[in-house]
Protein backbone atom coordinates (compact mmCIF):
# COMPACT_ATOMS: atom_id res chain seq x y z
CA UNK A 1 12.48 14.71 16.71
CA UNK A 2 13.86 11.72 18.57
CA UNK A 3 17.62 11.44 18.27
CA UNK A 4 18.00 12.51 14.65
CA UNK A 5 21.61 13.61 14.42
CA UNK A 6 22.92 16.40 12.20
CA UNK A 7 24.23 15.24 8.87
CA UNK A 8 27.39 17.31 8.76
CA UNK A 9 26.85 17.76 5.02
CA UNK A 10 28.57 20.69 3.28
CA UNK A 11 26.37 23.78 2.95
CA UNK A 12 26.17 23.43 -0.83
CA UNK A 13 24.42 20.07 -0.41
CA UNK A 14 21.92 21.57 2.00
CA UNK A 15 20.59 24.03 -0.58
CA UNK A 16 17.28 23.34 -2.26
CA UNK A 17 18.68 23.71 -5.76
CA UNK A 18 20.85 20.63 -5.15
CA UNK A 19 17.99 18.52 -3.79
CA UNK A 20 17.53 15.30 -5.84
CA UNK A 21 13.74 15.30 -5.34
CA UNK A 22 13.05 19.03 -5.45
CA UNK A 23 10.88 18.97 -8.58
CA UNK A 24 8.76 16.06 -7.32
CA UNK A 25 8.40 17.18 -3.69
CA UNK A 26 5.81 19.58 -2.24
CA UNK A 27 8.20 22.48 -2.85
CA UNK A 28 8.41 21.68 -6.57
CA UNK A 29 5.80 24.32 -7.44
CA UNK A 30 7.84 27.15 -5.92
CA UNK A 31 9.91 29.58 -8.00
CA UNK A 32 13.55 30.46 -7.32
CA UNK A 33 12.76 33.34 -4.95
CA UNK A 34 10.36 31.17 -2.97
CA UNK A 35 12.83 28.27 -2.91
CA UNK A 36 15.48 30.55 -1.41
CA UNK A 37 13.06 31.50 1.37
CA UNK A 38 12.31 27.84 2.00
CA UNK A 39 16.00 26.93 2.06
CA UNK A 40 16.53 29.44 4.87
CA UNK A 41 14.41 27.32 7.23
CA UNK A 42 15.34 23.88 5.86
CA UNK A 43 17.92 21.47 7.25
CA UNK A 44 18.67 17.84 6.49
CA UNK A 45 18.73 14.94 8.92
CA UNK A 46 19.77 11.34 8.59
CA UNK A 47 18.34 8.44 10.57
CA UNK A 48 19.39 4.83 10.98
CA UNK A 49 16.95 1.88 10.60
CA UNK A 50 14.67 1.56 13.60
CA UNK A 51 15.07 5.18 14.70
CA UNK A 52 11.87 7.00 15.68
CA UNK A 53 11.27 10.18 13.71
CA UNK A 54 7.93 11.28 15.18
CA UNK A 55 5.54 9.74 17.72
CA UNK A 56 1.77 9.69 17.42
CA UNK A 57 -0.27 12.16 19.43
CA UNK A 58 2.83 14.27 20.18
CA UNK A 59 2.75 17.97 19.26
CA UNK A 60 3.80 18.77 15.69
CA UNK A 61 7.09 20.66 15.66
CA UNK A 62 8.35 19.97 12.13
CA UNK A 63 7.44 18.65 8.70
CA UNK A 64 9.77 16.99 6.21
CA UNK A 65 10.32 15.86 2.64
CA UNK A 66 11.75 12.37 2.28
CA UNK A 67 15.00 12.65 0.31
CA UNK A 68 15.97 8.97 0.37
CA UNK A 69 15.11 5.74 2.15
CA UNK A 70 11.81 4.36 3.46
CA UNK A 71 9.75 5.35 6.49
CA UNK A 72 7.05 3.19 8.02
CA UNK A 73 4.00 4.79 9.64
CA UNK A 74 2.42 3.00 12.58
CA UNK A 75 -0.52 3.37 14.96
CA UNK A 76 -0.41 2.02 18.50
CA UNK A 77 -3.46 0.36 20.05
CA UNK A 78 -4.35 0.89 23.72
CA UNK A 79 -2.90 -2.52 24.61
CA UNK A 80 0.46 -1.63 23.05
CA UNK A 81 0.09 -3.50 19.77
CA UNK A 82 1.27 -1.67 16.67
CA UNK A 83 -0.01 -1.75 13.11
CA UNK A 84 1.85 -0.49 10.06
CA UNK A 85 -0.60 1.83 8.29
CA UNK A 86 1.59 3.28 5.55
CA UNK A 87 4.98 3.72 3.98
CA UNK A 88 6.74 6.85 2.80
CA UNK A 89 9.48 7.11 0.18
CA UNK A 90 11.16 9.94 -1.71
CA UNK A 91 9.66 12.43 -2.52
CA UNK A 92 6.80 11.98 -0.01
CA UNK A 93 5.91 14.57 2.61
CA UNK A 94 6.05 13.62 6.29
CA UNK A 95 3.59 15.33 8.62
CA UNK A 96 0.24 17.04 8.35
CA UNK A 97 0.28 20.83 8.08
CA UNK A 98 -2.08 22.82 10.28
CA UNK A 99 -2.53 19.87 12.64
CA UNK A 100 -1.75 20.20 16.35
CA UNK A 101 -0.58 16.60 16.84
CA UNK A 102 0.88 13.78 14.79
CA UNK A 103 -1.73 11.21 13.67
CA UNK A 104 0.82 8.36 13.59
CA UNK A 105 4.33 7.38 14.55
CA UNK A 106 7.06 7.39 11.91
CA UNK A 107 10.11 5.14 12.07
CA UNK A 108 13.04 4.77 9.69
CA UNK A 109 12.64 1.38 7.95
CA UNK A 110 15.99 1.84 6.17
CA UNK A 111 18.68 4.48 6.30
CA UNK A 112 16.69 7.66 5.75
CA UNK A 113 17.50 11.24 4.82
CA UNK A 114 14.85 13.92 5.24
CA UNK A 115 14.69 17.68 4.72
CA UNK A 116 13.03 19.24 7.77
CA UNK A 117 11.03 22.45 8.12
CA UNK A 118 9.97 23.95 11.49
CA UNK A 119 6.19 23.83 11.56
CA UNK A 120 5.42 27.49 12.30
CA UNK A 121 7.81 28.86 9.67
CA UNK A 122 6.66 26.31 7.08
CA UNK A 123 2.96 27.00 7.63
CA UNK A 124 3.68 30.73 7.28
CA UNK A 125 5.34 30.11 3.90
CA UNK A 126 2.48 27.84 2.85
CA UNK A 127 0.01 30.62 3.60
CA UNK A 128 2.13 33.06 1.59
CA UNK A 129 2.65 30.87 -1.50
CA UNK A 130 -0.46 29.36 -3.15
CA UNK A 131 1.64 26.89 -5.12
CA UNK A 132 2.91 25.30 -1.93
CA UNK A 133 -0.62 25.16 -0.54
CA UNK A 134 -1.74 23.38 -3.72
CA UNK A 135 1.03 20.79 -3.35
CA UNK A 136 0.02 20.17 0.27
CA UNK A 137 -3.59 19.71 -0.83
CA UNK A 138 -2.48 17.24 -3.51
CA UNK A 139 -0.44 15.39 -0.89
CA UNK A 140 -3.57 15.03 1.25
CA UNK A 141 -5.53 13.66 -1.73
CA UNK A 142 -2.71 11.20 -2.48
CA UNK A 143 -2.83 9.99 1.13
CA UNK A 144 -6.59 9.47 0.81
CA UNK A 145 -6.17 7.49 -2.42
CA UNK A 146 -3.45 5.37 -0.79
CA UNK A 147 -5.68 4.65 2.20
CA UNK A 148 -8.51 3.52 -0.08
CA UNK A 149 -6.16 1.30 -2.07
CA UNK A 150 -4.90 -0.18 1.18
CA UNK A 151 -8.46 -0.97 2.33
CA UNK A 152 -9.11 -2.74 -0.97
CA UNK A 153 -5.87 -4.67 -0.66
CA UNK A 154 -6.65 -5.88 2.87
CA UNK A 155 -10.31 -6.60 2.26
CA UNK A 156 -10.57 -8.14 -1.20
CA UNK A 157 -7.25 -9.24 -2.64
CA UNK A 158 -5.76 -12.72 -2.45
CA UNK A 159 -2.44 -13.37 -0.73
CA UNK A 160 -0.61 -13.42 -4.08
CA UNK A 161 -2.27 -10.18 -5.18
CA UNK A 162 -1.37 -8.52 -1.87
CA UNK A 163 2.33 -9.38 -2.16
CA UNK A 164 2.38 -8.51 -5.87
CA UNK A 165 0.65 -5.17 -5.15
CA UNK A 166 3.25 -4.33 -2.53
CA UNK A 167 6.09 -5.15 -4.94
CA UNK A 168 4.37 -3.17 -7.71
CA UNK A 169 4.24 -0.11 -5.46
CA UNK A 170 7.99 -0.43 -4.80
CA UNK A 171 8.74 -1.00 -8.49
CA UNK A 172 6.78 2.12 -9.47
CA UNK A 173 8.70 4.18 -6.92
CA UNK A 174 12.06 2.91 -8.11
CA UNK A 175 11.20 3.83 -11.70
CA UNK A 176 9.86 7.25 -10.72
CA UNK A 177 12.90 8.25 -8.67
CA UNK A 178 15.24 6.81 -11.27
CA UNK A 179 13.43 8.75 -14.03
CA UNK A 180 13.19 5.58 -16.11
CA UNK A 181 10.65 4.81 -18.80
CA UNK A 182 7.67 2.88 -17.44
CA UNK A 183 6.57 1.02 -20.53
CA UNK A 184 5.96 -2.73 -20.74
CA UNK A 185 9.67 -3.42 -21.28
CA UNK A 186 10.73 -1.53 -18.14
CA UNK A 187 12.92 -3.31 -15.64
CA UNK A 188 12.78 -2.16 -12.04
CA UNK A 189 15.28 -3.11 -9.36
CA UNK A 190 14.92 -2.24 -5.69
CA UNK A 191 15.71 -3.39 -2.19
CA UNK A 192 12.85 -4.43 0.09
CA UNK A 193 12.51 -1.76 2.78
CA UNK A 194 10.68 -4.09 5.18
CA UNK A 195 11.51 -7.38 6.82
CA UNK A 196 9.31 -10.38 6.05
CA UNK A 197 7.66 -9.84 9.47
CA UNK A 198 6.88 -6.19 8.68
CA UNK A 199 5.58 -7.13 5.24
CA UNK A 200 3.27 -9.67 6.86
CA UNK A 201 2.04 -7.05 9.33
CA UNK A 202 1.46 -4.47 6.60
CA UNK A 203 -0.36 -6.89 4.30
CA UNK A 204 -2.38 -8.76 6.93
CA UNK A 205 -0.63 -12.08 6.21
CA UNK A 206 1.63 -14.50 8.04
CA UNK A 207 5.39 -14.51 7.52
CA UNK A 208 5.14 -17.99 5.98
CA UNK A 209 2.52 -16.80 3.48
CA UNK A 210 4.63 -13.82 2.45
CA UNK A 211 7.67 -16.05 1.86
CA UNK A 212 5.56 -18.59 -0.04
CA UNK A 213 4.08 -15.95 -2.34
CA UNK A 214 7.50 -14.43 -3.05
CA UNK A 215 8.70 -17.88 -4.05
CA UNK A 216 5.66 -18.38 -6.30
CA UNK A 217 6.27 -15.06 -8.04
CA UNK A 218 9.92 -15.96 -8.51
CA UNK A 219 9.06 -19.41 -9.91
CA UNK A 220 6.65 -17.80 -12.37
CA UNK A 221 9.44 -15.40 -13.45
CA UNK A 222 7.36 -12.40 -12.42
CA UNK A 223 10.21 -11.28 -10.16
CA UNK A 224 13.85 -12.20 -9.67
CA UNK A 225 15.32 -12.51 -6.18
CA UNK A 226 18.99 -11.54 -6.31
CA UNK A 227 19.29 -11.77 -2.51
CA UNK A 228 17.02 -11.88 0.50
CA UNK A 229 16.15 -8.19 -0.02
CA UNK A 230 17.16 -7.26 -3.59
CA UNK A 231 14.40 -7.74 -6.18
CA UNK A 232 14.23 -7.16 -9.93
CA UNK A 233 11.02 -6.91 -11.94
CA UNK A 234 11.64 -7.84 -15.60
CA UNK A 235 8.19 -6.73 -16.78
CA UNK A 236 6.00 -4.27 -14.89
CA UNK A 237 2.88 -5.37 -16.81
CA UNK A 238 3.25 -8.97 -15.65
CA UNK A 239 3.60 -7.84 -12.06
CA UNK A 240 0.52 -5.61 -12.44
CA UNK A 241 -1.46 -8.62 -13.71
CA UNK A 242 -0.34 -10.68 -10.73
CA UNK A 243 -1.44 -7.80 -8.49
CA UNK A 244 -4.92 -7.85 -10.01
CA UNK A 245 -4.57 -4.40 -11.56
CA UNK A 246 -5.54 -3.29 -15.04
CA UNK A 247 -2.64 -2.57 -17.36
CA UNK A 248 -1.91 1.12 -17.58
CA UNK A 249 -3.67 1.85 -14.24
CA UNK A 250 -0.63 1.70 -11.98
C-alpha cells in the first residue's frame, strides 16, 4: 500500500462487529466465530483524496472492504494515458483474490476508509469458509455485470443518458448505505465523488457536455444542485427514465 497511514482508531472501532457495512460486505455471510477469526487479521486505513491505494501490475499483498468514501479504478496505457474503468463505494471489495497481480490501479477519489486483509491470510480463510468464497464469487459476478453495463453506457447511450445513469448509480448507493426505502417517492442526496473532468473521462464525454447535461437535468427538475458537488434526487423513477432504464430495473 502506498502511504496509507494508520487510523489511530480505538480498538473497539476496529472490531468487525462495529463495522457499518459488515452485513453487506463480503464477510457478511460469516458467523460470529468466523468473524472473530477475520477480525484478527483485519486493520483499518484511511486515505486522503488523490492517494494511491494499489498500482496495476504490482504484486497483490492485501485485499480490502470499502467502509466509506469512493475509490476510482484506472488502467494506464503504454503512452502514459489513464482511463477510469470503474468506481468502488461501500461496501465494495477491493482486489481480486487468488490473483498474483493487481489488474488496475486504485486511487482515493474522496476521503476513504478501508478494512484491509493480508492476502495470504485472507485467502486461507476464504478456503476454510464456503460462505466467504460464495461472497467473493458474487463479487466477481457483480464486477462482470458492471463492466457490461459500462460497455452499454459508452457504446449506445446518449450524453444525457450517460450522465443520468452515473447519477442513478450514485443515488442507488446512497439509498442502500442509508438503508432508506427505494420506492418512487424516495429522495436521495449525495456528494459527487468525481470532478467534472473525471466524470467526463469516465463517461467518454467532454467537460462542457457533462456540465451542460447536469444543467439540463436540473432545469427539468430531475435533480437539484445544492452546490457544485452536492446533489439531491427528488424522484428515483424520473432519474431512471432520464437514464434510459426501465422502472424497477435499477
